Amino acid sequence: MKAQHAALCVEEAEVTVKELRAALKRAGITLPSLRIGPASPAREAPCPRVEWGGCSIEVATRLAAAPR
């Protein structure tokens, strides 16, 4: 059961990262470090985390403005 849950979490994370990358691209924003990170050990059945990494002030400013 845990393995099946973990596989579903990885699949969901991959889709989410792809969608987020596409949405950011439409806004003219690229986060090279956007990726699936290691599983969250706090869960009973570990799931991956989406990691954004660091970015420049310019990119942070554009990220802050994007939802507006």
N, C-alpha and C. Protein backbone atom coordinates (compact mmCIF):
# COMPACT_ATOMS: atom_id res chain seq x y z
N MET A 1 0.83 -1.19 0.00
CA MET A 1 0.00 0.00 0.00
C MET A 1 0.88 1.26 0.00
N LYS A 2 1.92 1.27 0.84
CA LYS A 2 2.80 2.43 0.91
C LYS A 2 3.51 2.67 -0.42
N ALA A 3 3.94 1.60 -1.08
CA ALA A 3 4.63 1.74 -2.36
C ALA A 3 3.70 2.32 -3.41
N GLN A 4 2.45 1.89 -3.41
CA GLN A 4 1.47 2.41 -4.37
C GLN A 4 1.21 3.89 -4.09
N HIS A 5 1.07 4.24 -2.82
CA HIS A 5 0.85 5.64 -2.44
C HIS A 5 2.04 6.49 -2.87
N ALA A 6 3.25 6.01 -2.61
CA ALA A 6 4.45 6.75 -2.97
C ALA A 6 4.53 6.94 -4.49
N ALA A 7 4.19 5.91 -5.26
CA ALA A 7 4.22 6.02 -6.72
C ALA A 7 3.23 7.06 -7.20
N LEU A 8 2.04 7.09 -6.61
CA LEU A 8 1.04 8.10 -6.98
C LEU A 8 1.52 9.51 -6.62
N CYS A 9 2.19 9.63 -5.49
CA CYS A 9 2.73 10.93 -5.09
C CYS A 9 3.79 11.42 -6.07
N VAL A 10 4.65 10.53 -6.51
CA VAL A 10 5.69 10.90 -7.47
C VAL A 10 5.06 11.33 -8.78
N GLU A 11 4.07 10.59 -9.24
CA GLU A 11 3.38 10.93 -10.48
C GLU A 11 2.72 12.30 -10.36
N GLU A 12 2.04 12.55 -9.26
CA GLU A 12 1.38 13.84 -9.03
C GLU A 12 2.42 14.97 -8.98
N ALA A 13 3.53 14.72 -8.32
CA ALA A 13 4.58 15.73 -8.23
C ALA A 13 5.15 16.05 -9.61
N GLU A 14 5.36 15.03 -10.44
CA GLU A 14 5.89 15.26 -11.79
C GLU A 14 4.94 16.12 -12.62
N VAL A 15 3.65 15.82 -12.55
CA VAL A 15 2.64 16.60 -13.28
C VAL A 15 2.61 18.04 -12.75
N THR A 16 2.65 18.18 -11.45
CA THR A 16 2.59 19.51 -10.84
C THR A 16 3.79 20.36 -11.23
N VAL A 17 4.98 19.77 -11.20
CA VAL A 17 6.19 20.52 -11.58
C VAL A 17 6.10 20.93 -13.05
N LYS A 18 5.63 20.03 -13.89
CA LYS A 18 5.48 20.35 -15.32
C LYS A 18 4.50 21.51 -15.51
N GLU A 19 3.36 21.46 -14.83
CA GLU A 19 2.35 22.52 -14.94
C GLU A 19 2.87 23.85 -14.38
N LEU A 20 3.57 23.78 -13.26
CA LEU A 20 4.12 24.99 -12.66
C LEU A 20 5.18 25.61 -13.57
N ARG A 21 6.05 24.78 -14.11
CA ARG A 21 7.08 25.27 -15.04
C ARG A 21 6.43 25.96 -16.25
N ALA A 22 5.36 25.37 -16.80
CA ALA A 22 4.66 25.95 -17.94
C ALA A 22 3.99 27.27 -17.57
N ALA A 23 3.37 27.33 -16.40
CA ALA A 23 2.71 28.57 -15.95
C ALA A 23 3.73 29.68 -15.75
N LEU A 24 4.86 29.33 -15.15
CA LEU A 24 5.91 30.33 -14.95
C LEU A 24 6.47 30.80 -16.29
N LYS A 25 6.62 29.88 -17.23
CA LYS A 25 7.13 30.24 -18.56
C LYS A 25 6.18 31.23 -19.24
N ARG A 26 4.88 31.01 -19.12
CA ARG A 26 3.90 31.93 -19.71
C ARG A 26 4.03 33.32 -19.10
N ALA A 27 4.47 33.39 -17.85
CA ALA A 27 4.68 34.67 -17.18
C ALA A 27 6.08 35.21 -17.43
N GLY A 28 6.87 34.51 -18.26
CA GLY A 28 8.22 34.95 -18.57
C GLY A 28 9.23 34.68 -17.46
N ILE A 29 8.94 33.67 -16.64
CA ILE A 29 9.79 33.36 -15.49
C ILE A 29 10.35 31.95 -15.65
N THR A 30 11.65 31.81 -15.43
CA THR A 30 12.30 30.51 -15.45
C THR A 30 13.00 30.28 -14.12
N LEU A 31 12.71 29.17 -13.50
CA LEU A 31 13.39 28.76 -12.27
C LEU A 31 14.16 27.49 -12.59
N PRO A 32 15.45 27.61 -12.93
CA PRO A 32 16.22 26.43 -13.31
C PRO A 32 16.27 25.36 -12.23
N SER A 33 16.14 25.76 -10.97
CA SER A 33 16.26 24.79 -9.88
C SER A 33 14.92 24.16 -9.49
N LEU A 34 13.83 24.50 -10.20
CA LEU A 34 12.53 23.89 -9.93
C LEU A 34 12.62 22.40 -10.24
N ARG A 35 12.30 21.58 -9.22
CA ARG A 35 12.45 20.13 -9.40
C ARG A 35 11.69 19.38 -8.32
N ILE A 36 11.64 18.09 -8.49
CA ILE A 36 11.09 17.23 -7.46
C ILE A 36 12.23 16.93 -6.50
N GLY A 37 12.00 17.19 -5.23
CA GLY A 37 13.01 16.96 -4.22
C GLY A 37 12.81 15.62 -3.53
N PRO A 38 13.58 15.39 -2.51
CA PRO A 38 13.47 14.12 -1.78
C PRO A 38 12.12 13.98 -1.08
N ALA A 39 11.79 12.76 -0.73
CA ALA A 39 10.53 12.50 -0.05
C ALA A 39 10.50 13.18 1.31
N SER A 40 9.33 13.59 1.70
CA SER A 40 9.14 14.20 3.01
C SER A 40 9.11 13.09 4.07
N PRO A 41 10.10 13.07 4.95
CA PRO A 41 10.15 11.98 5.93
C PRO A 41 9.10 12.09 7.03
N ALA A 42 8.38 13.19 7.09
CA ALA A 42 7.39 13.39 8.14
C ALA A 42 6.11 12.58 7.91
N ARG A 43 5.97 12.04 6.72
CA ARG A 43 4.76 11.30 6.39
C ARG A 43 4.95 9.81 6.64
N GLU A 44 3.86 9.13 6.91
CA GLU A 44 3.92 7.69 7.09
C GLU A 44 4.36 7.01 5.78
N ALA A 45 3.78 7.46 4.66
CA ALA A 45 4.20 6.98 3.33
C ALA A 45 4.84 8.18 2.64
N PRO A 46 6.16 8.27 2.63
CA PRO A 46 6.86 9.45 2.14
C PRO A 46 6.46 9.86 0.72
N CYS A 47 6.30 11.15 0.52
CA CYS A 47 5.99 11.72 -0.78
C CYS A 47 7.04 12.77 -1.11
N PRO A 48 7.34 12.94 -2.40
CA PRO A 48 8.34 13.94 -2.78
C PRO A 48 7.83 15.36 -2.52
N ARG A 49 8.77 16.28 -2.45
CA ARG A 49 8.44 17.69 -2.29
C ARG A 49 8.85 18.41 -3.55
N VAL A 50 8.16 19.50 -3.86
CA VAL A 50 8.56 20.34 -4.98
C VAL A 50 9.49 21.40 -4.42
N GLU A 51 10.67 21.49 -5.01
CA GLU A 51 11.66 22.46 -4.55
C GLU A 51 11.82 23.56 -5.60
N TRP A 52 11.81 24.80 -5.14
CA TRP A 52 11.95 25.95 -6.02
C TRP A 52 13.40 26.40 -6.11
N GLY A 53 14.15 26.19 -5.06
CA GLY A 53 15.53 26.66 -5.03
C GLY A 53 15.59 28.18 -4.90
N GLY A 54 16.77 28.73 -5.09
CA GLY A 54 16.95 30.17 -4.98
C GLY A 54 16.74 30.85 -6.33
N CYS A 55 16.60 32.16 -6.28
CA CYS A 55 16.46 32.93 -7.52
C CYS A 55 17.00 34.33 -7.29
N SER A 56 17.20 35.04 -8.37
CA SER A 56 17.70 36.41 -8.29
C SER A 56 16.60 37.35 -7.79
N ILE A 57 16.98 38.54 -7.41
CA ILE A 57 16.00 39.55 -6.99
C ILE A 57 15.05 39.86 -8.14
N GLU A 58 15.59 39.92 -9.36
CA GLU A 58 14.75 40.20 -10.53
C GLU A 58 13.65 39.14 -10.68
N VAL A 59 14.03 37.87 -10.55
CA VAL A 59 13.04 36.80 -10.68
C VAL A 59 12.06 36.85 -9.50
N ALA A 60 12.54 37.11 -8.31
CA ALA A 60 11.65 37.22 -7.14
C ALA A 60 10.64 38.34 -7.34
N THR A 61 11.08 39.46 -7.90
CA THR A 61 10.18 40.58 -8.16
C THR A 61 9.11 40.18 -9.17
N ARG A 62 9.53 39.47 -10.22
CA ARG A 62 8.56 39.02 -11.23
C ARG A 62 7.59 37.99 -10.66
N LEU A 63 8.08 37.12 -9.77
CA LEU A 63 7.21 36.15 -9.11
C LEU A 63 6.18 36.86 -8.24
N ALA A 64 6.61 37.87 -7.53
CA ALA A 64 5.70 38.62 -6.67
C ALA A 64 4.62 39.33 -7.48
N ALA A 65 4.97 39.78 -8.68
CA ALA A 65 4.03 40.50 -9.52
C ALA A 65 3.12 39.58 -10.33
N ALA A 66 3.53 38.35 -10.55
CA ALA A 66 2.78 37.43 -11.42
C ALA A 66 1.32 37.23 -11.00
N PRO A 67 1.02 37.02 -9.73
CA PRO A 67 -0.40 36.82 -9.35
C PRO A 67 -1.27 38.04 -9.56
N ARG A 68 -0.66 39.19 -9.65
CA ARG A 68 -1.45 40.42 -9.85
C ARG A 68 -1.92 40.45 -11.26
